[in-house]
Amino acid sequence: MTCHEIEALRLGLMNSLGVADDAVEKHARDELGADPDPHIEALAEAESLAACKRHLDTALVELEGEVASADADDPGYDYLRGRLVAVRDAEAALDRLLTQGEGFLDDLGDIHHALHETFPTDE
């Protein structure tokens, strides 16, 4: 078992933020393998924060279902539950990033309006 959700989110965030790091991308792609699940691939290919959020939500639902159907006596069960905790933490961090980005956009709008109030234009 590997944490495909986290590696796919890293790739999606790199796409969204315009960050290029060949070593990180190679490592993540190696983790995902040649034929990842469609929801994982969609997350890895996301090109916006909103798309990352949508695809991570889908991946989280899938993972929650996997945990719910897993046998608690399975040797990998604790890791699977740990993965769920890690992905939920990543979801919360992504939510904070989205909230901060929306706040920044609001601030830019306020700055723009204040600038025009201070220095009116004839347009």
PDB file of N, CA and C in Angstrom:
ATOM      1  N   MET A   1       0.837  -1.193   0.000  1.00  0.00           N
ATOM      2  CA  MET A   1       0.000   0.000   0.000  1.00  0.00           C
ATOM      3  C   MET A   1       0.877   1.250   0.000  1.00  0.00           C
ATOM      4  N   THR A   2       0.468   2.196  -0.794  1.00  0.00           N
ATOM      5  CA  THR A   2       1.154   3.476  -0.782  1.00  0.00           C
ATOM      6  C   THR A   2       0.121   4.582  -0.678  1.00  0.00           C
ATOM      7  N   CYS A   3       0.593   5.739  -0.399  1.00  0.00           N
ATOM      8  CA  CYS A   3      -0.294   6.884  -0.191  1.00  0.00           C
ATOM      9  C   CYS A   3      -0.471   7.644  -1.504  1.00  0.00           C
ATOM     10  N   HIS A   4      -1.200   7.047  -2.413  1.00  0.00           N
ATOM     11  CA  HIS A   4      -1.400   7.647  -3.726  1.00  0.00           C
ATOM     12  C   HIS A   4      -2.077   9.006  -3.639  1.00  0.00           C
ATOM     13  N   GLU A   5      -3.000   9.160  -2.704  1.00  0.00           N
ATOM     14  CA  GLU A   5      -3.730  10.420  -2.600  1.00  0.00           C
ATOM     15  C   GLU A   5      -2.783  11.593  -2.335  1.00  0.00           C
ATOM     16  N   ILE A   6      -1.833  11.402  -1.445  1.00  0.00           N
ATOM     17  CA  ILE A   6      -0.903  12.484  -1.085  1.00  0.00           C
ATOM     18  C   ILE A   6       0.018  12.806  -2.265  1.00  0.00           C
ATOM     19  N   GLU A   7       0.544  11.790  -2.911  1.00  0.00           N
ATOM     20  CA  GLU A   7       1.437  12.025  -4.045  1.00  0.00           C
ATOM     21  C   GLU A   7       0.683  12.674  -5.202  1.00  0.00           C
ATOM     22  N   ALA A   8      -0.556  12.241  -5.446  1.00  0.00           N
ATOM     23  CA  ALA A   8      -1.351  12.842  -6.511  1.00  0.00           C
ATOM     24  C   ALA A   8      -1.677  14.296  -6.175  1.00  0.00           C
ATOM     25  N   LEU A   9      -1.970  14.566  -4.911  1.00  0.00           N
ATOM     26  CA  LEU A   9      -2.238  15.948  -4.505  1.00  0.00           C
ATOM     27  C   LEU A   9      -0.995  16.811  -4.702  1.00  0.00           C
ATOM     28  N   ARG A  10       0.170  16.287  -4.375  1.00  0.00           N
ATOM     29  CA  ARG A  10       1.403  17.046  -4.603  1.00  0.00           C
ATOM     30  C   ARG A  10       1.539  17.427  -6.073  1.00  0.00           C
ATOM     31  N   LEU A  11       1.279  16.473  -6.959  1.00  0.00           N
ATOM     32  CA  LEU A  11       1.381  16.761  -8.389  1.00  0.00           C
ATOM     33  C   LEU A  11       0.336  17.785  -8.823  1.00  0.00           C
ATOM     34  N   GLY A  12      -0.894  17.634  -8.351  1.00  0.00           N
ATOM     35  CA  GLY A  12      -1.938  18.585  -8.696  1.00  0.00           C
ATOM     36  C   GLY A  12      -1.625  19.986  -8.196  1.00  0.00           C
ATOM     37  N   LEU A  13      -1.081  20.074  -6.995  1.00  0.00           N
ATOM     38  CA  LEU A  13      -0.708  21.392  -6.462  1.00  0.00           C
ATOM     39  C   LEU A  13       0.460  21.989  -7.233  1.00  0.00           C
ATOM     40  N   MET A  14       1.409  21.157  -7.616  1.00  0.00           N
ATOM     41  CA  MET A  14       2.521  21.656  -8.431  1.00  0.00           C
ATOM     42  C   MET A  14       1.994  22.233  -9.736  1.00  0.00           C
ATOM     43  N   ASN A  15       1.057  21.528 -10.372  1.00  0.00           N
ATOM     44  CA  ASN A  15       0.440  22.034 -11.605  1.00  0.00           C
ATOM     45  C   ASN A  15      -0.258  23.361 -11.340  1.00  0.00           C
ATOM     46  N   SER A  16      -1.059  23.396 -10.298  1.00  0.00           N
ATOM     47  CA  SER A  16      -1.882  24.566  -9.979  1.00  0.00           C
ATOM     48  C   SER A  16      -1.048  25.787  -9.640  1.00  0.00           C
ATOM     49  N   LEU A  17       0.046  25.563  -8.950  1.00  0.00           N
ATOM     50  CA  LEU A  17       0.883  26.665  -8.490  1.00  0.00           C
ATOM     51  C   LEU A  17       2.007  27.001  -9.457  1.00  0.00           C
ATOM     52  N   GLY A  18       2.151  26.215 -10.511  1.00  0.00           N
ATOM     53  CA  GLY A  18       3.205  26.469 -11.488  1.00  0.00           C
ATOM     54  C   GLY A  18       4.586  26.135 -10.973  1.00  0.00           C
ATOM     55  N   VAL A  19       4.665  25.133 -10.112  1.00  0.00           N
ATOM     56  CA  VAL A  19       5.940  24.720  -9.534  1.00  0.00           C
ATOM     57  C   VAL A  19       6.471  23.531 -10.334  1.00  0.00           C
ATOM     58  N   ALA A  20       7.696  23.626 -10.771  1.00  0.00           N
ATOM     59  CA  ALA A  20       8.325  22.534 -11.506  1.00  0.00           C
ATOM     60  C   ALA A  20       9.479  21.978 -10.689  1.00  0.00           C
ATOM     61  N   ASP A  21       9.420  20.696 -10.419  1.00  0.00           N
ATOM     62  CA  ASP A  21      10.501  20.014  -9.715  1.00  0.00           C
ATOM     63  C   ASP A  21      10.542  18.591 -10.260  1.00  0.00           C
ATOM     64  N   ASP A  22      11.459  18.356 -11.161  1.00  0.00           N
ATOM     65  CA  ASP A  22      11.527  17.066 -11.844  1.00  0.00           C
ATOM     66  C   ASP A  22      11.709  15.899 -10.884  1.00  0.00           C
ATOM     67  N   ALA A  23      12.515  16.077  -9.846  1.00  0.00           N
ATOM     68  CA  ALA A  23      12.762  14.992  -8.897  1.00  0.00           C
ATOM     69  C   ALA A  23      11.493  14.636  -8.123  1.00  0.00           C
ATOM     70  N   VAL A  24      10.765  15.649  -7.667  1.00  0.00           N
ATOM     71  CA  VAL A  24       9.521  15.398  -6.936  1.00  0.00           C
ATOM     72  C   VAL A  24       8.501  14.748  -7.858  1.00  0.00           C
ATOM     73  N   GLU A  25       8.412  15.262  -9.091  1.00  0.00           N
ATOM     74  CA  GLU A  25       7.451  14.694 -10.040  1.00  0.00           C
ATOM     75  C   GLU A  25       7.784  13.242 -10.361  1.00  0.00           C
ATOM     76  N   LYS A  26       9.045  12.932 -10.582  1.00  0.00           N
ATOM     77  CA  LYS A  26       9.439  11.547 -10.872  1.00  0.00           C
ATOM     78  C   LYS A  26       9.112  10.639  -9.702  1.00  0.00           C
ATOM     79  N   HIS A  27       9.449  11.078  -8.498  1.00  0.00           N
ATOM     80  CA  HIS A  27       9.157  10.270  -7.308  1.00  0.00           C
ATOM     81  C   HIS A  27       7.651  10.012  -7.197  1.00  0.00           C
ATOM     82  N   ALA A  28       6.860  11.059  -7.354  1.00  0.00           N
ATOM     83  CA  ALA A  28       5.408  10.915  -7.225  1.00  0.00           C
ATOM     84  C   ALA A  28       4.863   9.991  -8.310  1.00  0.00           C
ATOM     85  N   ARG A  29       5.320  10.165  -9.541  1.00  0.00           N
ATOM     86  CA  ARG A  29       4.849   9.312 -10.642  1.00  0.00           C
ATOM     87  C   ARG A  29       5.249   7.856 -10.413  1.00  0.00           C
ATOM     88  N   ASP A  30       6.451   7.638  -9.870  1.00  0.00           N
ATOM     89  CA  ASP A  30       6.880   6.275  -9.551  1.00  0.00           C
ATOM     90  C   ASP A  30       5.965   5.668  -8.485  1.00  0.00           C
ATOM     91  N   GLU A  31       5.595   6.462  -7.496  1.00  0.00           N
ATOM     92  CA  GLU A  31       4.680   5.993  -6.446  1.00  0.00           C
ATOM     93  C   GLU A  31       3.319   5.623  -7.025  1.00  0.00           C
ATOM     94  N   LEU A  32       2.826   6.434  -7.958  1.00  0.00           N
ATOM     95  CA  LEU A  32       1.499   6.202  -8.525  1.00  0.00           C
ATOM     96  C   LEU A  32       1.466   5.007  -9.468  1.00  0.00           C
ATOM     97  N   GLY A  33       2.596   4.699 -10.070  1.00  0.00           N
ATOM     98  CA  GLY A  33       2.647   3.575 -10.991  1.00  0.00           C
ATOM     99  C   GLY A  33       2.156   3.953 -12.381  1.00  0.00           C
ATOM    100  N   ALA A  34       2.186   2.999 -13.267  1.00  0.00           N
ATOM    101  CA  ALA A  34       1.875   3.246 -14.673  1.00  0.00           C
ATOM    102  C   ALA A  34       0.388   3.454 -14.927  1.00  0.00           C
ATOM    103  N   ASP A  35      -0.461   2.875 -14.098  1.00  0.00           N
ATOM    104  CA  ASP A  35      -1.907   2.932 -14.352  1.00  0.00           C
ATOM    105  C   ASP A  35      -2.669   3.211 -13.053  1.00  0.00           C
ATOM    106  N   PRO A  36      -2.568   4.454 -12.528  1.00  0.00           N
ATOM    107  CA  PRO A  36      -3.276   4.751 -11.280  1.00  0.00           C
ATOM    108  C   PRO A  36      -4.787   4.770 -11.473  1.00  0.00           C
ATOM    109  N   ASP A  37      -5.517   4.640 -10.373  1.00  0.00           N
ATOM    110  CA  ASP A  37      -6.976   4.736 -10.418  1.00  0.00           C
ATOM    111  C   ASP A  37      -7.372   6.061 -11.064  1.00  0.00           C
ATOM    112  N   PRO A  38      -8.497   6.093 -11.765  1.00  0.00           N
ATOM    113  CA  PRO A  38      -8.901   7.317 -12.476  1.00  0.00           C
ATOM    114  C   PRO A  38      -9.021   8.545 -11.565  1.00  0.00           C
ATOM    115  N   HIS A  39      -9.548   8.381 -10.362  1.00  0.00           N
ATOM    116  CA  HIS A  39      -9.692   9.549  -9.476  1.00  0.00           C
ATOM    117  C   HIS A  39      -8.337  10.042  -8.980  1.00  0.00           C
ATOM    118  N   ILE A  40      -7.375   9.150  -8.859  1.00  0.00           N
ATOM    119  CA  ILE A  40      -6.021   9.531  -8.457  1.00  0.00           C
ATOM    120  C   ILE A  40      -5.331  10.247  -9.615  1.00  0.00           C
ATOM    121  N   GLU A  41      -5.491   9.727 -10.816  1.00  0.00           N
ATOM    122  CA  GLU A  41      -4.893  10.368 -11.997  1.00  0.00           C
ATOM    123  C   GLU A  41      -5.490  11.758 -12.212  1.00  0.00           C
ATOM    124  N   ALA A  42      -6.799  11.886 -12.016  1.00  0.00           N
ATOM    125  CA  ALA A  42      -7.444  13.197 -12.171  1.00  0.00           C
ATOM    126  C   ALA A  42      -6.892  14.191 -11.159  1.00  0.00           C
ATOM    127  N   LEU A  43      -6.651  13.748  -9.942  1.00  0.00           N
ATOM    128  CA  LEU A  43      -6.061  14.615  -8.918  1.00  0.00           C
ATOM    129  C   LEU A  43      -4.646  15.013  -9.313  1.00  0.00           C
ATOM    130  N   ALA A  44      -3.874  14.074  -9.796  1.00  0.00           N
ATOM    131  CA  ALA A  44      -2.488  14.355 -10.201  1.00  0.00           C
ATOM    132  C   ALA A  44      -2.427  15.328 -11.370  1.00  0.00           C
ATOM    133  N   GLU A  45      -3.442  15.323 -12.222  1.00  0.00           N
ATOM    134  CA  GLU A  45      -3.466  16.180 -13.406  1.00  0.00           C
ATOM    135  C   GLU A  45      -4.218  17.491 -13.176  1.00  0.00           C
ATOM    136  N   ALA A  46      -4.739  17.714 -11.994  1.00  0.00           N
ATOM    137  CA  ALA A  46      -5.519  18.927 -11.709  1.00  0.00           C
ATOM    138  C   ALA A  46      -4.700  20.166 -12.042  1.00  0.00           C
ATOM    139  N   GLU A  47      -5.376  21.170 -12.588  1.00  0.00           N
ATOM    140  CA  GLU A  47      -4.683  22.393 -12.991  1.00  0.00           C
ATOM    141  C   GLU A  47      -5.157  23.622 -12.242  1.00  0.00           C
ATOM    142  N   SER A  48      -5.998  23.419 -11.226  1.00  0.00           N
ATOM    143  CA  SER A  48      -6.443  24.534 -10.395  1.00  0.00           C
ATOM    144  C   SER A  48      -6.634  24.023  -8.976  1.00  0.00           C
ATOM    145  N   LEU A  49      -6.636  24.945  -8.034  1.00  0.00           N
ATOM    146  CA  LEU A  49      -6.869  24.544  -6.643  1.00  0.00           C
ATOM    147  C   LEU A  49      -8.274  23.980  -6.484  1.00  0.00           C
ATOM    148  N   ALA A  50      -9.235  24.561  -7.183  1.00  0.00           N
ATOM    149  CA  ALA A  50     -10.608  24.063  -7.106  1.00  0.00           C
ATOM    150  C   ALA A  50     -10.683  22.620  -7.627  1.00  0.00           C
ATOM    151  N   ALA A  51      -9.965  22.332  -8.709  1.00  0.00           N
ATOM    152  CA  ALA A  51      -9.943  20.967  -9.233  1.00  0.00           C
ATOM    153  C   ALA A  51      -9.253  20.024  -8.258  1.00  0.00           C
ATOM    154  N   CYS A  52      -8.176  20.484  -7.620  1.00  0.00           N
ATOM    155  CA  CYS A  52      -7.521  19.670  -6.589  1.00  0.00           C
ATOM    156  C   CYS A  52      -8.518  19.319  -5.494  1.00  0.00           C
ATOM    157  N   LYS A  53      -9.284  20.294  -5.053  1.00  0.00           N
ATOM    158  CA  LYS A  53     -10.270  20.081  -3.993  1.00  0.00           C
ATOM    159  C   LYS A  53     -11.310  19.053  -4.430  1.00  0.00           C
ATOM    160  N   ARG A  54     -11.862  19.214  -5.626  1.00  0.00           N
ATOM    161  CA  ARG A  54     -12.873  18.278  -6.123  1.00  0.00           C
ATOM    162  C   ARG A  54     -12.343  16.858  -6.188  1.00  0.00           C
ATOM    163  N   HIS A  55     -11.173  16.710  -6.784  1.00  0.00           N
ATOM    164  CA  HIS A  55     -10.623  15.370  -6.970  1.00  0.00           C
ATOM    165  C   HIS A  55     -10.140  14.765  -5.652  1.00  0.00           C
ATOM    166  N   LEU A  56      -9.652  15.595  -4.745  1.00  0.00           N
ATOM    167  CA  LEU A  56      -9.258  15.076  -3.438  1.00  0.00           C
ATOM    168  C   LEU A  56     -10.484  14.605  -2.668  1.00  0.00           C
ATOM    169  N   ASP A  57     -11.587  15.332  -2.776  1.00  0.00           N
ATOM    170  CA  ASP A  57     -12.830  14.894  -2.123  1.00  0.00           C
ATOM    171  C   ASP A  57     -13.247  13.517  -2.625  1.00  0.00           C
ATOM    172  N   THR A  58     -13.154  13.311  -3.932  1.00  0.00           N
ATOM    173  CA  THR A  58     -13.503  12.005  -4.511  1.00  0.00           C
ATOM    174  C   THR A  58     -12.556  10.926  -4.008  1.00  0.00           C
ATOM    175  N   ALA A  59     -11.273  11.228  -3.996  1.00  0.00           N
ATOM    176  CA  ALA A  59     -10.286  10.259  -3.514  1.00  0.00           C
ATOM    177  C   ALA A  59     -10.527   9.927  -2.045  1.00  0.00           C
ATOM    178  N   LEU A  60     -10.915  10.911  -1.270  1.00  0.00           N
ATOM    179  CA  LEU A  60     -11.175  10.699   0.153  1.00  0.00           C
ATOM    180  C   LEU A  60     -12.394   9.798   0.355  1.00  0.00           C
ATOM    181  N   VAL A  61     -13.431   9.995  -0.428  1.00  0.00           N
ATOM    182  CA  VAL A  61     -14.613   9.128  -0.339  1.00  0.00           C
ATOM    183  C   VAL A  61     -14.229   7.687  -0.660  1.00  0.00           C
ATOM    184  N   GLU A  62     -13.424   7.519  -1.707  1.00  0.00           N
ATOM    185  CA  GLU A  62     -12.958   6.180  -2.082  1.00  0.00           C
ATOM    186  C   GLU A  62     -12.145   5.544  -0.944  1.00  0.00           C
ATOM    187  N   LEU A  63     -11.257   6.331  -0.358  1.00  0.00           N
ATOM    188  CA  LEU A  63     -10.421   5.812   0.726  1.00  0.00           C
ATOM    189  C   LEU A  63     -11.262   5.479   1.953  1.00  0.00           C
ATOM    190  N   GLU A  64     -12.233   6.315   2.267  1.00  0.00           N
ATOM    191  CA  GLU A  64     -13.118   6.026   3.410  1.00  0.00           C
ATOM    192  C   GLU A  64     -13.861   4.710   3.182  1.00  0.00           C
ATOM    193  N   GLY A  65     -14.296   4.475   1.952  1.00  0.00           N
ATOM    194  CA  GLY A  65     -14.957   3.210   1.631  1.00  0.00           C
ATOM    195  C   GLY A  65     -14.021   2.030   1.778  1.00  0.00           C
ATOM    196  N   GLU A  66     -12.787   2.219   1.365  1.00  0.00           N
ATOM    197  CA  GLU A  66     -11.771   1.163   1.499  1.00  0.00           C
ATOM    198  C   GLU A  66     -11.530   0.833   2.966  1.00  0.00           C
ATOM    199  N   VAL A  67     -11.442   1.850   3.797  1.00  0.00           N
ATOM    200  CA  VAL A  67     -11.229   1.626   5.235  1.00  0.00           C
ATOM    201  C   VAL A  67     -12.447   0.936   5.842  1.00  0.00           C
ATOM    202  N   ALA A  68     -13.640   1.376   5.469  1.00  0.00           N
ATOM    203  CA  ALA A  68     -14.866   0.798   6.022  1.00  0.00           C
ATOM    204  C   ALA A  68     -15.013  -0.679   5.675  1.00  0.00           C
ATOM    205  N   SER A  69     -14.547  -1.068   4.501  1.00  0.00           N
ATOM    206  CA  SER A  69     -14.693  -2.464   4.089  1.00  0.00           C
ATOM    207  C   SER A  69     -13.488  -3.338   4.467  1.00  0.00           C
ATOM    208  N   ALA A  70     -12.459  -2.740   5.027  1.00  0.00           N
ATOM    209  CA  ALA A  70     -11.251  -3.492   5.374  1.00  0.00           C
ATOM    210  C   ALA A  70     -11.459  -4.317   6.644  1.00  0.00           C
ATOM    211  N   ASP A  71     -10.753  -5.403   6.713  1.00  0.00           N
ATOM    212  CA  ASP A  71     -10.772  -6.271   7.894  1.00  0.00           C
ATOM    213  C   ASP A  71      -9.794  -5.709   8.919  1.00  0.00           C
ATOM    214  N   ALA A  72     -10.289  -5.438  10.115  1.00  0.00           N
ATOM    215  CA  ALA A  72      -9.456  -4.858  11.176  1.00  0.00           C
ATOM    216  C   ALA A  72      -8.291  -5.768  11.560  1.00  0.00           C
ATOM    217  N   ASP A  73      -8.373  -7.046  11.232  1.00  0.00           N
ATOM    218  CA  ASP A  73      -7.282  -7.977  11.544  1.00  0.00           C
ATOM    219  C   ASP A  73      -6.215  -8.023  10.454  1.00  0.00           C
ATOM    220  N   ASP A  74      -6.469  -7.368   9.344  1.00  0.00           N
ATOM    221  CA  ASP A  74      -5.511  -7.331   8.244  1.00  0.00           C
ATOM    222  C   ASP A  74      -4.255  -6.596   8.716  1.00  0.00           C
ATOM    223  N   PRO A  75      -3.062  -7.123   8.414  1.00  0.00           N
ATOM    224  CA  PRO A  75      -1.827  -6.466   8.848  1.00  0.00           C
ATOM    225  C   PRO A  75      -1.669  -5.035   8.314  1.00  0.00           C
ATOM    226  N   GLY A  76      -2.296  -4.720   7.204  1.00  0.00           N
ATOM    227  CA  GLY A  76      -2.184  -3.385   6.633  1.00  0.00           C
ATOM    228  C   GLY A  76      -3.275  -2.426   7.095  1.00  0.00           C
ATOM    229  N   TYR A  77      -4.142  -2.884   7.980  1.00  0.00           N
ATOM    230  CA  TYR A  77      -5.283  -2.062   8.396  1.00  0.00           C
ATOM    231  C   TYR A  77      -4.855  -0.768   9.086  1.00  0.00           C
ATOM    232  N   ASP A  78      -3.886  -0.850   9.979  1.00  0.00           N
ATOM    233  CA  ASP A  78      -3.454   0.357  10.693  1.00  0.00           C
ATOM    234  C   ASP A  78      -2.856   1.384   9.729  1.00  0.00           C
ATOM    235  N   TYR A  79      -2.075   0.911   8.765  1.00  0.00           N
ATOM    236  CA  TYR A  79      -1.526   1.824   7.766  1.00  0.00           C
ATOM    237  C   TYR A  79      -2.645   2.466   6.957  1.00  0.00           C
ATOM    238  N   LEU A  80      -3.647   1.677   6.584  1.00  0.00           N
ATOM    239  CA  LEU A  80      -4.775   2.185   5.824  1.00  0.00           C
ATOM    240  C   LEU A  80      -5.500   3.282   6.607  1.00  0.00           C
ATOM    241  N   ARG A  81      -5.717   3.056   7.880  1.00  0.00           N
ATOM    242  CA  ARG A  81      -6.349   4.076   8.723  1.00  0.00           C
ATOM    243  C   ARG A  81      -5.453   5.303   8.851  1.00  0.00           C
ATOM    244  N   GLY A  82      -4.148   5.097   8.955  1.00  0.00           N
ATOM    245  CA  GLY A  82      -3.202   6.215   9.006  1.00  0.00           C
ATOM    246  C   GLY A  82      -3.245   7.033   7.731  1.00  0.00           C
ATOM    247  N   ARG A  83      -3.384   6.345   6.608  1.00  0.00           N
ATOM    248  CA  ARG A  83      -3.526   7.035   5.325  1.00  0.00           C
ATOM    249  C   ARG A  83      -4.758   7.926   5.321  1.00  0.00           C
ATOM    250  N   LEU A  84      -5.835   7.411   5.880  1.00  0.00           N
ATOM    251  CA  LEU A  84      -7.068   8.185   5.948  1.00  0.00           C
ATOM    252  C   LEU A  84      -6.867   9.450   6.772  1.00  0.00           C
ATOM    253  N   VAL A  85      -6.197   9.329   7.901  1.00  0.00           N
ATOM    254  CA  VAL A  85      -5.913  10.498   8.735  1.00  0.00           C
ATOM    255  C   VAL A  85      -5.047  11.500   7.974  1.00  0.00           C
ATOM    256  N   ALA A  86      -4.026  11.016   7.293  1.00  0.00           N
ATOM    257  CA  ALA A  86      -3.125  11.902   6.535  1.00  0.00           C
ATOM    258  C   ALA A  86      -3.868  12.620   5.416  1.00  0.00           C
ATOM    259  N   VAL A  87      -4.746  11.921   4.714  1.00  0.00           N
ATOM    260  CA  VAL A  87      -5.476  12.537   3.611  1.00  0.00           C
ATOM    261  C   VAL A  87      -6.483  13.548   4.153  1.00  0.00           C
ATOM    262  N   ARG A  88      -7.111  13.239   5.276  1.00  0.00           N
ATOM    263  CA  ARG A  88      -8.018  14.218   5.887  1.00  0.00           C
ATOM    264  C   ARG A  88      -7.251  15.468   6.317  1.00  0.00           C
ATOM    265  N   ASP A  89      -6.047  15.283   6.850  1.00  0.00           N
ATOM    266  CA  ASP A  89      -5.207  16.438   7.214  1.00  0.00           C
ATOM    267  C   ASP A  89      -4.860  17.260   5.972  1.00  0.00           C
ATOM    268  N   ALA A  90      -4.528  16.569   4.895  1.00  0.00           N
ATOM    269  CA  ALA A  90      -4.215  17.270   3.646  1.00  0.00           C
ATOM    270  C   ALA A  90      -5.439  18.019   3.143  1.00  0.00           C
ATOM    271  N   GLU A  91      -6.611  17.430   3.280  1.00  0.00           N
ATOM    272  CA  GLU A  91      -7.841  18.102   2.860  1.00  0.00           C
ATOM    273  C   GLU A  91      -8.048  19.383   3.666  1.00  0.00           C
ATOM    274  N   ALA A  92      -7.821  19.309   4.975  1.00  0.00           N
ATOM    275  CA  ALA A  92      -7.969  20.499   5.819  1.00  0.00           C
ATOM    276  C   ALA A  92      -6.962  21.582   5.426  1.00  0.00           C
ATOM    277  N   ALA A  93      -5.736  21.175   5.124  1.00  0.00           N
ATOM    278  CA  ALA A  93      -4.719  22.146   4.710  1.00  0.00           C
ATOM    279  C   ALA A  93      -5.095  22.781   3.371  1.00  0.00           C
ATOM    280  N   LEU A  94      -5.623  21.996   2.447  1.00  0.00           N
ATOM    281  CA  LEU A  94      -6.051  22.529   1.155  1.00  0.00           C
ATOM    282  C   LEU A  94      -7.220  23.503   1.346  1.00  0.00           C
ATOM    283  N   ASP A  95      -8.131  23.168   2.247  1.00  0.00           N
ATOM    284  CA  ASP A  95      -9.242  24.079   2.553  1.00  0.00           C
ATOM    285  C   ASP A  95      -8.716  25.419   3.080  1.00  0.00           C
ATOM    286  N   ARG A  96      -7.709  25.368   3.946  1.00  0.00           N
ATOM    287  CA  ARG A  96      -7.117  26.612   4.463  1.00  0.00           C
ATOM    288  C   ARG A  96      -6.471  27.409   3.337  1.00  0.00           C
ATOM    289  N   LEU A  97      -5.780  26.735   2.445  1.00  0.00           N
ATOM    290  CA  LEU A  97      -5.152  27.404   1.308  1.00  0.00           C
ATOM    291  C   LEU A  97      -6.202  28.081   0.432  1.00  0.00           C
ATOM    292  N   LEU A  98      -7.291  27.386   0.162  1.00  0.00           N
ATOM    293  CA  LEU A  98      -8.373  27.971  -0.639  1.00  0.00           C
ATOM    294  C   LEU A  98      -8.985  29.177   0.067  1.00  0.00           C
ATOM    295  N   THR A  99      -9.197  29.073   1.357  1.00  0.00           N
ATOM    296  CA  THR A  99      -9.760  30.186   2.124  1.00  0.00           C
ATOM    297  C   THR A  99      -8.816  31.382   2.106  1.00  0.00           C
ATOM    298  N   GLN A 100      -7.519  31.127   2.280  1.00  0.00           N
ATOM    299  CA  GLN A 100      -6.543  32.217   2.242  1.00  0.00           C
ATOM    300  C   GLN A 100      -6.501  32.860   0.861  1.00  0.00           C
ATOM    301  N   GLY A 101      -6.575  32.059  -0.182  1.00  0.00           N
ATOM    302  CA  GLY A 101      -6.574  32.597  -1.537  1.00  0.00           C
ATOM    303  C   GLY A 101      -7.802  33.456  -1.795  1.00  0.00           C
ATOM    304  N   GLU A 102      -8.957  33.001  -1.335  1.00  0.00           N
ATOM    305  CA  GLU A 102     -10.181  33.794  -1.496  1.00  0.00           C
ATOM    306  C   GLU A 102     -10.077  35.097  -0.708  1.00  0.00           C
ATOM    307  N   GLY A 103      -9.498  35.039   0.488  1.00  0.00           N
ATOM    308  CA  GLY A 103      -9.292  36.252   1.281  1.00  0.00           C
ATOM    309  C   GLY A 103      -8.359  37.225   0.578  1.00  0.00           C
ATOM    310  N   PHE A 104      -7.318  36.701  -0.038  1.00  0.00           N
ATOM    311  CA  PHE A 104      -6.386  37.540  -0.779  1.00  0.00           C
ATOM    312  C   PHE A 104      -7.093  38.233  -1.940  1.00  0.00           C
ATOM    313  N   LEU A 105      -7.935  37.500  -2.650  1.00  0.00           N
ATOM    314  CA  LEU A 105      -8.701  38.107  -3.745  1.00  0.00           C
ATOM    315  C   LEU A 105      -9.612  39.217  -3.231  1.00  0.00           C
ATOM    316  N   ASP A 106     -10.273  38.962  -2.109  1.00  0.00           N
ATOM    317  CA  ASP A 106     -11.122  39.999  -1.510  1.00  0.00           C
ATOM    318  C   ASP A 106     -10.294  41.231  -1.146  1.00  0.00           C
ATOM    319  N   ASP A 107      -9.122  41.009  -0.559  1.00  0.00           N
ATOM    320  CA  ASP A 107      -8.237  42.125  -0.186  1.00  0.00           C
ATOM    321  C   ASP A 107      -7.826  42.937  -1.416  1.00  0.00           C
ATOM    322  N   LEU A 108      -7.517  42.258  -2.505  1.00  0.00           N
ATOM    323  CA  LEU A 108      -7.146  42.972  -3.734  1.00  0.00           C
ATOM    324  C   LEU A 108      -8.308  43.831  -4.232  1.00  0.00           C
ATOM    325  N   GLY A 109      -9.519  43.312  -4.138  1.00  0.00           N
ATOM    326  CA  GLY A 109     -10.686  44.098  -4.528  1.00  0.00           C
ATOM    327  C   GLY A 109     -10.846  45.333  -3.654  1.00  0.00           C
ATOM    328  N   ASP A 110     -10.643  45.165  -2.333  1.00  0.00           N
ATOM    329  CA  ASP A 110     -10.728  46.304  -1.412  1.00  0.00           C
ATOM    330  C   ASP A 110      -9.652  47.345  -1.723  1.00  0.00           C
ATOM    331  N   ILE A 111      -8.443  46.869  -2.002  1.00  0.00           N
ATOM    332  CA  ILE A 111      -7.336  47.774  -2.333  1.00  0.00           C
ATOM    333  C   ILE A 111      -7.665  48.543  -3.612  1.00  0.00           C
ATOM    334  N   HIS A 112      -8.192  47.846  -4.595  1.00  0.00           N
ATOM    335  CA  HIS A 112      -8.543  48.477  -5.864  1.00  0.00           C
ATOM    336  C   HIS A 112      -9.588  49.568  -5.652  1.00  0.00           C
ATOM    337  N   HIS A 113     -10.630  49.253  -4.901  1.00  0.00           N
ATOM    338  CA  HIS A 113     -11.682  50.239  -4.643  1.00  0.00           C
ATOM    339  C   HIS A 113     -11.144  51.425  -3.849  1.00  0.00           C
ATOM    340  N   ALA A 114     -10.314  51.166  -2.848  1.00  0.00           N
ATOM    341  CA  ALA A 114      -9.740  52.249  -2.044  1.00  0.00           C
ATOM    342  C   ALA A 114      -8.864  53.163  -2.907  1.00  0.00           C
ATOM    343  N   LEU A 115      -8.126  52.574  -3.817  1.00  0.00           N
ATOM    344  CA  LEU A 115      -7.276  53.358  -4.704  1.00  0.00           C
ATOM    345  C   LEU A 115      -8.121  54.285  -5.582  1.00  0.00           C
ATOM    346  N   HIS A 116      -9.220  53.756  -6.117  1.00  0.00           N
ATOM    347  CA  HIS A 116     -10.092  54.581  -6.957  1.00  0.00           C
ATOM    348  C   HIS A 116     -10.848  55.630  -6.149  1.00  0.00           C
ATOM    349  N   GLU A 117     -11.171  55.334  -4.902  1.00  0.00           N
ATOM    350  CA  GLU A 117     -11.816  56.346  -4.049  1.00  0.00           C
ATOM    351  C   GLU A 117     -10.843  57.467  -3.726  1.00  0.00           C
ATOM    352  N   THR A 118      -9.575  57.101  -3.495  1.00  0.00           N
ATOM    353  CA  THR A 118      -8.558  58.091  -3.166  1.00  0.00           C
ATOM    354  C   THR A 118      -8.147  58.906  -4.377  1.00  0.00           C
ATOM    355  N   PHE A 119      -8.039  58.264  -5.514  1.00  0.00           N
ATOM    356  CA  PHE A 119      -7.628  58.912  -6.754  1.00  0.00           C
ATOM    357  C   PHE A 119      -8.659  58.628  -7.835  1.00  0.00           C
ATOM    358  N   PRO A 120      -9.775  59.357  -7.817  1.00  0.00           N
ATOM    359  CA  PRO A 120     -10.842  59.104  -8.808  1.00  0.00           C
ATOM    360  C   PRO A 120     -10.331  59.326 -10.231  1.00  0.00           C
ATOM    361  N   THR A 121     -10.883  58.543 -11.126  1.00  0.00           N
ATOM    362  CA  THR A 121     -10.558  58.704 -12.538  1.00  0.00           C
ATOM    363  C   THR A 121     -11.804  59.166 -13.278  1.00  0.00           C
ATOM    364  N   ASP A 122     -11.628  59.687 -14.440  1.00  0.00           N
ATOM    365  CA  ASP A 122     -12.740  60.199 -15.245  1.00  0.00           C
ATOM    366  C   ASP A 122     -13.358  59.103 -16.121  1.00  0.00           C
ATOM    367  N   GLU A 123     -12.951  57.896 -15.961  1.00  0.00           N
ATOM    368  CA  GLU A 123     -13.439  56.805 -16.840  1.00  0.00           C
ATOM    369  C   GLU A 123     -14.844  56.444 -16.534  1.00  0.00           C
TER     370      GLU A 123
END
